[in-house]
């Protein structure tokens, strides 16, 4: 019996690691059309007697305004382009600040948020945090920073029943993800800590204040994706 239990646990762990690694590899190439959060939100709406609402359309990164990655980096994760999935500087700051704060602040990176949005559930717990670390390591190993940003901007909740850049552009600003202005991108980024409470299409004074802060920060950070350096032209010698 003991051997059977050990064999079952071994097979379960083997299945978990193989399936999750394959899923991460697959999502390196294929669009993410549905996430656990989308399914959970629709279920919650049905339970509350509401009509389920899911507005989402996948668009590649090159069809999203270049200002939106800059805005979310400025707002959410200044070191996104250089860290390995975890910003230990911000983690140390959060630990120190939380000693004297009633409302704890987090230090999740865009990579961690992407891992949570695509593979896990929203309710915070130590178990979820553990899985979040695991999936963050996997996507940082298997995906480029551009792919992480692309999936993040397509899967994150940006309003009630609204997910991703294309949907929020359509329903909050009557435009496309590609045509979002810097100001609109900053408003979207400002709403992300609580997109159900803060509507980027109908900004409150607080949201407008955050928008201005984010616009200022956007001018100070390095461009994303990083600018490709053109090779210097070497003068040809004629013999």
C-alpha atoms as a PDB file:
ATOM      1  CA  UNK A   1       0.000   0.000   0.000  1.00  0.00           C
ATOM      2  CA  UNK A   2       2.828   2.384   0.915  1.00  0.00           C
ATOM      3  CA  UNK A   3       4.540   1.722  -2.436  1.00  0.00           C
ATOM      4  CA  UNK A   4       1.254   2.374  -4.282  1.00  0.00           C
ATOM      5  CA  UNK A   5       0.873   5.733  -2.513  1.00  0.00           C
ATOM      6  CA  UNK A   6       4.451   6.700  -3.375  1.00  0.00           C
ATOM      7  CA  UNK A   7       3.908   5.647  -6.993  1.00  0.00           C
ATOM      8  CA  UNK A   8       0.707   7.688  -7.158  1.00  0.00           C
ATOM      9  CA  UNK A   9       2.450  10.781  -5.730  1.00  0.00           C
ATOM     10  CA  UNK A  10       5.360  10.323  -8.141  1.00  0.00           C
ATOM     11  CA  UNK A  11       3.001  10.016 -11.139  1.00  0.00           C
ATOM     12  CA  UNK A  12       1.009  13.034  -9.959  1.00  0.00           C
ATOM     13  CA  UNK A  13       4.161  15.169  -9.652  1.00  0.00           C
ATOM     14  CA  UNK A  14       5.418  13.938 -13.021  1.00  0.00           C
ATOM     15  CA  UNK A  15       2.086  14.818 -14.642  1.00  0.00           C
ATOM     16  CA  UNK A  16       2.099  18.273 -12.999  1.00  0.00           C
ATOM     17  CA  UNK A  17       5.616  19.174 -14.136  1.00  0.00           C
ATOM     18  CA  UNK A  18       5.197  17.831 -17.679  1.00  0.00           C
ATOM     19  CA  UNK A  19       1.781  19.442 -18.227  1.00  0.00           C
ATOM     20  CA  UNK A  20       2.800  22.834 -16.845  1.00  0.00           C
ATOM     21  CA  UNK A  21       6.073  22.941 -18.782  1.00  0.00           C
ATOM     22  CA  UNK A  22       4.252  21.974 -21.997  1.00  0.00           C
ATOM     23  CA  UNK A  23       1.586  24.630 -21.348  1.00  0.00           C
ATOM     24  CA  UNK A  24       4.224  27.337 -20.843  1.00  0.00           C
ATOM     25  CA  UNK A  25       6.052  26.267 -24.013  1.00  0.00           C
ATOM     26  CA  UNK A  26       2.770  26.229 -25.980  1.00  0.00           C
ATOM     27  CA  UNK A  27       1.827  29.714 -24.781  1.00  0.00           C
ATOM     28  CA  UNK A  28       5.159  30.976 -26.016  1.00  0.00           C
ATOM     29  CA  UNK A  29       3.720  30.638 -29.515  1.00  0.00           C
ATOM     30  CA  UNK A  30      -0.102  30.559 -29.343  1.00  0.00           C
ATOM     31  CA  UNK A  31      -2.445  33.355 -28.190  1.00  0.00           C
ATOM     32  CA  UNK A  32      -4.043  33.129 -24.748  1.00  0.00           C
ATOM     33  CA  UNK A  33      -7.777  33.399 -25.462  1.00  0.00           C
ATOM     34  CA  UNK A  34      -9.109  32.434 -22.024  1.00  0.00           C
ATOM     35  CA  UNK A  35      -7.642  32.564 -18.515  1.00  0.00           C
ATOM     36  CA  UNK A  36      -8.770  31.183 -15.133  1.00  0.00           C
ATOM     37  CA  UNK A  37      -9.602  34.747 -14.011  1.00  0.00           C
ATOM     38  CA  UNK A  38     -11.967  35.250 -16.964  1.00  0.00           C
ATOM     39  CA  UNK A  39     -13.769  31.990 -16.158  1.00  0.00           C
ATOM     40  CA  UNK A  40     -13.956  32.834 -12.434  1.00  0.00           C
ATOM     41  CA  UNK A  41     -15.353  36.325 -13.081  1.00  0.00           C
ATOM     42  CA  UNK A  42     -18.038  34.916 -15.433  1.00  0.00           C
ATOM     43  CA  UNK A  43     -18.985  32.312 -12.813  1.00  0.00           C
ATOM     44  CA  UNK A  44     -19.237  35.016 -10.131  1.00  0.00           C
ATOM     45  CA  UNK A  45     -21.511  37.077 -12.386  1.00  0.00           C
ATOM     46  CA  UNK A  46     -23.832  34.098 -12.947  1.00  0.00           C
ATOM     47  CA  UNK A  47     -23.924  33.364  -9.194  1.00  0.00           C
ATOM     48  CA  UNK A  48     -24.935  37.000  -8.552  1.00  0.00           C
ATOM     49  CA  UNK A  49     -27.712  36.723 -11.123  1.00  0.00           C
ATOM     50  CA  UNK A  50     -25.915  38.837 -13.713  1.00  0.00           C
ATOM     51  CA  UNK A  51     -25.407  38.144 -17.394  1.00  0.00           C
ATOM     52  CA  UNK A  52     -21.814  36.954 -17.870  1.00  0.00           C
ATOM     53  CA  UNK A  53     -19.666  39.581 -19.577  1.00  0.00           C
ATOM     54  CA  UNK A  54     -16.355  38.774 -21.257  1.00  0.00           C
ATOM     55  CA  UNK A  55     -14.916  41.335 -23.646  1.00  0.00           C
ATOM     56  CA  UNK A  56     -11.559  40.201 -24.999  1.00  0.00           C
ATOM     57  CA  UNK A  57      -9.696  40.150 -28.301  1.00  0.00           C
ATOM     58  CA  UNK A  58      -6.095  39.061 -28.755  1.00  0.00           C
ATOM     59  CA  UNK A  59      -3.765  41.413 -30.639  1.00  0.00           C
ATOM     60  CA  UNK A  60      -0.012  41.008 -31.169  1.00  0.00           C
ATOM     61  CA  UNK A  61       2.374  43.397 -29.422  1.00  0.00           C
ATOM     62  CA  UNK A  62       3.151  45.273 -32.644  1.00  0.00           C
ATOM     63  CA  UNK A  63      -0.562  46.174 -32.905  1.00  0.00           C
ATOM     64  CA  UNK A  64      -0.612  47.739 -29.428  1.00  0.00           C
ATOM     65  CA  UNK A  65       0.395  51.370 -28.870  1.00  0.00           C
ATOM     66  CA  UNK A  66       4.079  51.547 -27.909  1.00  0.00           C
ATOM     67  CA  UNK A  67       3.001  53.858 -25.085  1.00  0.00           C
ATOM     68  CA  UNK A  68       1.077  51.136 -23.230  1.00  0.00           C
ATOM     69  CA  UNK A  69       4.075  48.935 -22.307  1.00  0.00           C
ATOM     70  CA  UNK A  70       5.856  52.111 -21.192  1.00  0.00           C
ATOM     71  CA  UNK A  71       2.876  53.142 -19.060  1.00  0.00           C
ATOM     72  CA  UNK A  72       2.516  49.797 -17.278  1.00  0.00           C
ATOM     73  CA  UNK A  73       6.278  49.579 -16.693  1.00  0.00           C
ATOM     74  CA  UNK A  74       6.270  53.115 -15.258  1.00  0.00           C
ATOM     75  CA  UNK A  75       3.292  52.305 -13.044  1.00  0.00           C
ATOM     76  CA  UNK A  76       3.764  48.664 -12.098  1.00  0.00           C
ATOM     77  CA  UNK A  77       7.338  47.483 -12.581  1.00  0.00           C
ATOM     78  CA  UNK A  78      10.172  49.946 -13.336  1.00  0.00           C
ATOM     79  CA  UNK A  79      12.818  47.201 -13.597  1.00  0.00           C
ATOM     80  CA  UNK A  80      10.786  44.831 -15.798  1.00  0.00           C
ATOM     81  CA  UNK A  81      13.290  44.849 -18.675  1.00  0.00           C
ATOM     82  CA  UNK A  82      16.252  43.947 -16.456  1.00  0.00           C
ATOM     83  CA  UNK A  83      15.057  41.709 -13.600  1.00  0.00           C
ATOM     84  CA  UNK A  84      14.689  37.911 -13.815  1.00  0.00           C
ATOM     85  CA  UNK A  85      11.026  37.873 -12.802  1.00  0.00           C
ATOM     86  CA  UNK A  86      11.412  39.128  -9.216  1.00  0.00           C
ATOM     87  CA  UNK A  87      12.307  42.653  -8.151  1.00  0.00           C
ATOM     88  CA  UNK A  88      14.198  42.080  -4.903  1.00  0.00           C
ATOM     89  CA  UNK A  89      14.759  45.824  -4.427  1.00  0.00           C
ATOM     90  CA  UNK A  90      10.981  46.410  -4.337  1.00  0.00           C
ATOM     91  CA  UNK A  91      10.418  43.289  -2.221  1.00  0.00           C
ATOM     92  CA  UNK A  92      12.826  44.636   0.445  1.00  0.00           C
ATOM     93  CA  UNK A  93      11.110  48.054   0.321  1.00  0.00           C
ATOM     94  CA  UNK A  94       7.661  46.465   0.680  1.00  0.00           C
ATOM     95  CA  UNK A  95       8.745  44.335   3.648  1.00  0.00           C
ATOM     96  CA  UNK A  96      10.171  47.402   5.407  1.00  0.00           C
ATOM     97  CA  UNK A  97       7.148  49.618   4.636  1.00  0.00           C
ATOM     98  CA  UNK A  98       4.634  46.936   5.625  1.00  0.00           C
ATOM     99  CA  UNK A  99       6.011  46.893   9.160  1.00  0.00           C
ATOM    100  CA  UNK A 100       4.210  50.203   9.776  1.00  0.00           C
ATOM    101  CA  UNK A 101       1.284  49.923   7.346  1.00  0.00           C
ATOM    102  CA  UNK A 102      -2.201  48.568   7.981  1.00  0.00           C
ATOM    103  CA  UNK A 103      -2.859  48.012   4.293  1.00  0.00           C
ATOM    104  CA  UNK A 104       0.005  45.881   3.013  1.00  0.00           C
ATOM    105  CA  UNK A 105       1.544  46.766  -0.329  1.00  0.00           C
ATOM    106  CA  UNK A 106       2.786  44.118  -2.698  1.00  0.00           C
ATOM    107  CA  UNK A 107       5.832  44.014  -4.932  1.00  0.00           C
ATOM    108  CA  UNK A 108       4.615  41.739  -7.730  1.00  0.00           C
ATOM    109  CA  UNK A 109       6.353  42.214 -11.055  1.00  0.00           C
ATOM    110  CA  UNK A 110       4.678  42.142 -14.471  1.00  0.00           C
ATOM    111  CA  UNK A 111       6.128  38.633 -14.889  1.00  0.00           C
ATOM    112  CA  UNK A 112       4.488  37.478 -11.643  1.00  0.00           C
ATOM    113  CA  UNK A 113       1.190  39.082 -12.566  1.00  0.00           C
ATOM    114  CA  UNK A 114       1.310  37.373 -15.971  1.00  0.00           C
ATOM    115  CA  UNK A 115       1.979  34.003 -14.351  1.00  0.00           C
ATOM    116  CA  UNK A 116      -0.953  34.543 -11.975  1.00  0.00           C
ATOM    117  CA  UNK A 117      -3.340  35.794 -14.679  1.00  0.00           C
ATOM    118  CA  UNK A 118      -2.655  33.019 -17.172  1.00  0.00           C
ATOM    119  CA  UNK A 119      -2.178  29.949 -14.980  1.00  0.00           C
ATOM    120  CA  UNK A 120      -3.636  30.600 -11.516  1.00  0.00           C
ATOM    121  CA  UNK A 121      -6.547  32.026  -9.536  1.00  0.00           C
ATOM    122  CA  UNK A 122      -6.890  35.595  -8.169  1.00  0.00           C
ATOM    123  CA  UNK A 123      -7.406  34.936  -4.431  1.00  0.00           C
ATOM    124  CA  UNK A 124      -4.115  35.404  -2.600  1.00  0.00           C
ATOM    125  CA  UNK A 125      -2.684  32.641  -0.400  1.00  0.00           C
ATOM    126  CA  UNK A 126       0.691  31.102   0.392  1.00  0.00           C
ATOM    127  CA  UNK A 127      -0.176  28.140  -1.861  1.00  0.00           C
ATOM    128  CA  UNK A 128      -0.929  30.416  -4.808  1.00  0.00           C
ATOM    129  CA  UNK A 129       2.215  32.432  -4.123  1.00  0.00           C
ATOM    130  CA  UNK A 130       4.240  29.224  -4.285  1.00  0.00           C
ATOM    131  CA  UNK A 131       2.744  28.275  -7.659  1.00  0.00           C
ATOM    132  CA  UNK A 132       3.199  31.884  -8.807  1.00  0.00           C
ATOM    133  CA  UNK A 133       6.947  31.702  -8.119  1.00  0.00           C
ATOM    134  CA  UNK A 134       7.150  28.406 -10.033  1.00  0.00           C
ATOM    135  CA  UNK A 135       5.293  29.712 -13.108  1.00  0.00           C
ATOM    136  CA  UNK A 136       7.201  33.010 -13.025  1.00  0.00           C
ATOM    137  CA  UNK A 137      10.503  31.131 -13.206  1.00  0.00           C
ATOM    138  CA  UNK A 138       9.144  29.019 -16.087  1.00  0.00           C
ATOM    139  CA  UNK A 139       7.929  31.927 -18.210  1.00  0.00           C
ATOM    140  CA  UNK A 140      11.122  33.893 -17.613  1.00  0.00           C
ATOM    141  CA  UNK A 141      13.100  30.864 -18.822  1.00  0.00           C
ATOM    142  CA  UNK A 142      10.877  30.057 -21.825  1.00  0.00           C
ATOM    143  CA  UNK A 143       9.527  33.422 -22.989  1.00  0.00           C
ATOM    144  CA  UNK A 144      11.187  36.652 -24.065  1.00  0.00           C
ATOM    145  CA  UNK A 145      10.401  39.879 -22.210  1.00  0.00           C
ATOM    146  CA  UNK A 146       8.443  40.995 -25.291  1.00  0.00           C
ATOM    147  CA  UNK A 147       6.298  37.838 -25.123  1.00  0.00           C
ATOM    148  CA  UNK A 148       5.663  38.293 -21.395  1.00  0.00           C
ATOM    149  CA  UNK A 149       4.539  41.873 -22.067  1.00  0.00           C
ATOM    150  CA  UNK A 150       2.387  40.764 -25.006  1.00  0.00           C
ATOM    151  CA  UNK A 151       0.568  38.143 -22.918  1.00  0.00           C
ATOM    152  CA  UNK A 152       0.255  40.539 -19.965  1.00  0.00           C
ATOM    153  CA  UNK A 153      -1.325  43.304 -22.059  1.00  0.00           C
ATOM    154  CA  UNK A 154      -3.744  40.821 -23.633  1.00  0.00           C
ATOM    155  CA  UNK A 155      -4.839  38.988 -20.492  1.00  0.00           C
ATOM    156  CA  UNK A 156      -4.936  41.504 -17.635  1.00  0.00           C
ATOM    157  CA  UNK A 157      -8.289  42.669 -16.269  1.00  0.00           C
ATOM    158  CA  UNK A 158      -8.814  46.303 -17.329  1.00  0.00           C
ATOM    159  CA  UNK A 159     -12.433  46.850 -16.282  1.00  0.00           C
ATOM    160  CA  UNK A 160     -15.609  44.945 -15.416  1.00  0.00           C
ATOM    161  CA  UNK A 161     -15.708  42.108 -17.950  1.00  0.00           C
ATOM    162  CA  UNK A 162     -12.930  43.797 -19.944  1.00  0.00           C
ATOM    163  CA  UNK A 163      -9.632  42.003 -20.546  1.00  0.00           C
ATOM    164  CA  UNK A 164      -6.679  43.196 -22.569  1.00  0.00           C
ATOM    165  CA  UNK A 165      -5.609  46.267 -24.504  1.00  0.00           C
ATOM    166  CA  UNK A 166      -7.927  45.860 -27.508  1.00  0.00           C
ATOM    167  CA  UNK A 167     -11.082  45.500 -25.405  1.00  0.00           C
ATOM    168  CA  UNK A 168     -10.305  48.430 -23.088  1.00  0.00           C
ATOM    169  CA  UNK A 169      -9.437  50.618 -26.097  1.00  0.00           C
ATOM    170  CA  UNK A 170     -12.785  49.788 -27.704  1.00  0.00           C
ATOM    171  CA  UNK A 171     -15.088  50.018 -24.679  1.00  0.00           C
ATOM    172  CA  UNK A 172     -13.425  52.848 -22.724  1.00  0.00           C
ATOM    173  CA  UNK A 173     -11.962  55.024 -25.510  1.00  0.00           C
ATOM    174  CA  UNK A 174     -13.794  53.998 -28.699  1.00  0.00           C
ATOM    175  CA  UNK A 175     -10.546  53.266 -30.526  1.00  0.00           C
ATOM    176  CA  UNK A 176      -8.105  50.398 -31.126  1.00  0.00           C
ATOM    177  CA  UNK A 177      -5.152  49.253 -29.032  1.00  0.00           C
ATOM    178  CA  UNK A 178      -2.794  50.560 -31.712  1.00  0.00           C
ATOM    179  CA  UNK A 179      -4.257  54.087 -31.624  1.00  0.00           C
ATOM    180  CA  UNK A 180      -4.243  54.593 -27.848  1.00  0.00           C
ATOM    181  CA  UNK A 181      -2.590  57.883 -26.901  1.00  0.00           C
ATOM    182  CA  UNK A 182       0.031  58.298 -24.174  1.00  0.00           C
ATOM    183  CA  UNK A 183      -2.597  59.908 -21.935  1.00  0.00           C
ATOM    184  CA  UNK A 184      -5.059  57.046 -22.431  1.00  0.00           C
ATOM    185  CA  UNK A 185      -2.312  54.476 -21.786  1.00  0.00           C
ATOM    186  CA  UNK A 186      -1.377  56.261 -18.561  1.00  0.00           C
ATOM    187  CA  UNK A 187      -5.032  56.208 -17.443  1.00  0.00           C
ATOM    188  CA  UNK A 188      -5.254  52.466 -18.141  1.00  0.00           C
ATOM    189  CA  UNK A 189      -2.055  51.859 -16.167  1.00  0.00           C
ATOM    190  CA  UNK A 190      -3.338  54.032 -13.307  1.00  0.00           C
ATOM    191  CA  UNK A 191      -6.491  51.905 -13.035  1.00  0.00           C
ATOM    192  CA  UNK A 192      -4.729  48.515 -12.952  1.00  0.00           C
ATOM    193  CA  UNK A 193      -4.353  48.099  -9.186  1.00  0.00           C
ATOM    194  CA  UNK A 194      -8.177  48.036  -9.028  1.00  0.00           C
ATOM    195  CA  UNK A 195      -9.764  48.139 -12.519  1.00  0.00           C
ATOM    196  CA  UNK A 196     -13.239  47.296 -11.171  1.00  0.00           C
ATOM    197  CA  UNK A 197     -13.226  50.312  -8.844  1.00  0.00           C
ATOM    198  CA  UNK A 198     -11.387  52.716 -11.174  1.00  0.00           C
ATOM    199  CA  UNK A 199     -12.762  53.164 -14.695  1.00  0.00           C
ATOM    200  CA  UNK A 200     -10.051  54.452 -17.038  1.00  0.00           C
ATOM    201  CA  UNK A 201     -12.766  55.711 -19.428  1.00  0.00           C
ATOM    202  CA  UNK A 202     -14.370  57.820 -16.675  1.00  0.00           C
ATOM    203  CA  UNK A 203     -11.381  58.957 -14.603  1.00  0.00           C
ATOM    204  CA  UNK A 204     -11.765  60.274 -11.073  1.00  0.00           C
ATOM    205  CA  UNK A 205      -9.556  63.136  -9.777  1.00  0.00           C
ATOM    206  CA  UNK A 206      -7.338  60.484  -8.140  1.00  0.00           C
ATOM    207  CA  UNK A 207      -6.946  58.650 -11.460  1.00  0.00           C
ATOM    208  CA  UNK A 208      -6.108  61.892 -13.281  1.00  0.00           C
ATOM    209  CA  UNK A 209      -3.450  62.675 -10.665  1.00  0.00           C
ATOM    210  CA  UNK A 210      -1.926  59.193 -11.108  1.00  0.00           C
ATOM    211  CA  UNK A 211      -2.069  59.671 -14.878  1.00  0.00           C
ATOM    212  CA  UNK A 212       0.164  62.748 -14.638  1.00  0.00           C
ATOM    213  CA  UNK A 213       2.625  60.930 -12.358  1.00  0.00           C
ATOM    214  CA  UNK A 214       2.817  58.007 -14.793  1.00  0.00           C
ATOM    215  CA  UNK A 215       3.289  60.312 -17.804  1.00  0.00           C
ATOM    216  CA  UNK A 216       6.247  61.942 -16.037  1.00  0.00           C
ATOM    217  CA  UNK A 217       7.776  58.549 -15.206  1.00  0.00           C
ATOM    218  CA  UNK A 218       7.326  57.351 -18.794  1.00  0.00           C
ATOM    219  CA  UNK A 219       9.793  60.030 -19.910  1.00  0.00           C
ATOM    220  CA  UNK A 220      12.437  58.795 -17.467  1.00  0.00           C
ATOM    221  CA  UNK A 221      12.507  55.051 -18.202  1.00  0.00           C
ATOM    222  CA  UNK A 222      14.240  53.257 -21.055  1.00  0.00           C
ATOM    223  CA  UNK A 223      12.124  52.507 -24.157  1.00  0.00           C
ATOM    224  CA  UNK A 224      10.443  49.093 -24.353  1.00  0.00           C
ATOM    225  CA  UNK A 225      11.096  46.981 -26.331  1.00  0.00           C
ATOM    226  CA  UNK A 226      14.743  48.088 -26.166  1.00  0.00           C
ATOM    227  CA  UNK A 227      15.910  49.986 -29.230  1.00  0.00           C
ATOM    228  CA  UNK A 228      17.957  47.807 -31.550  1.00  0.00           C
ATOM    229  CA  UNK A 229      21.374  49.250 -32.139  1.00  0.00           C
ATOM    230  CA  UNK A 230      22.206  49.516 -35.795  1.00  0.00           C
ATOM    231  CA  UNK A 231      25.644  48.213 -36.719  1.00  0.00           C
ATOM    232  CA  UNK A 232      28.056  50.962 -37.638  1.00  0.00           C
ATOM    233  CA  UNK A 233      28.882  51.185 -41.333  1.00  0.00           C
ATOM    234  CA  UNK A 234      32.460  50.206 -41.911  1.00  0.00           C
ATOM    235  CA  UNK A 235      34.207  52.051 -44.677  1.00  0.00           C
ATOM    236  CA  UNK A 236      35.253  49.755 -47.460  1.00  0.00           C
ATOM    237  CA  UNK A 237      38.843  49.857 -48.620  1.00  0.00           C
ATOM    238  CA  UNK A 238      39.394  49.917 -52.331  1.00  0.00           C
ATOM    239  CA  UNK A 239      42.560  48.292 -53.574  1.00  0.00           C
END
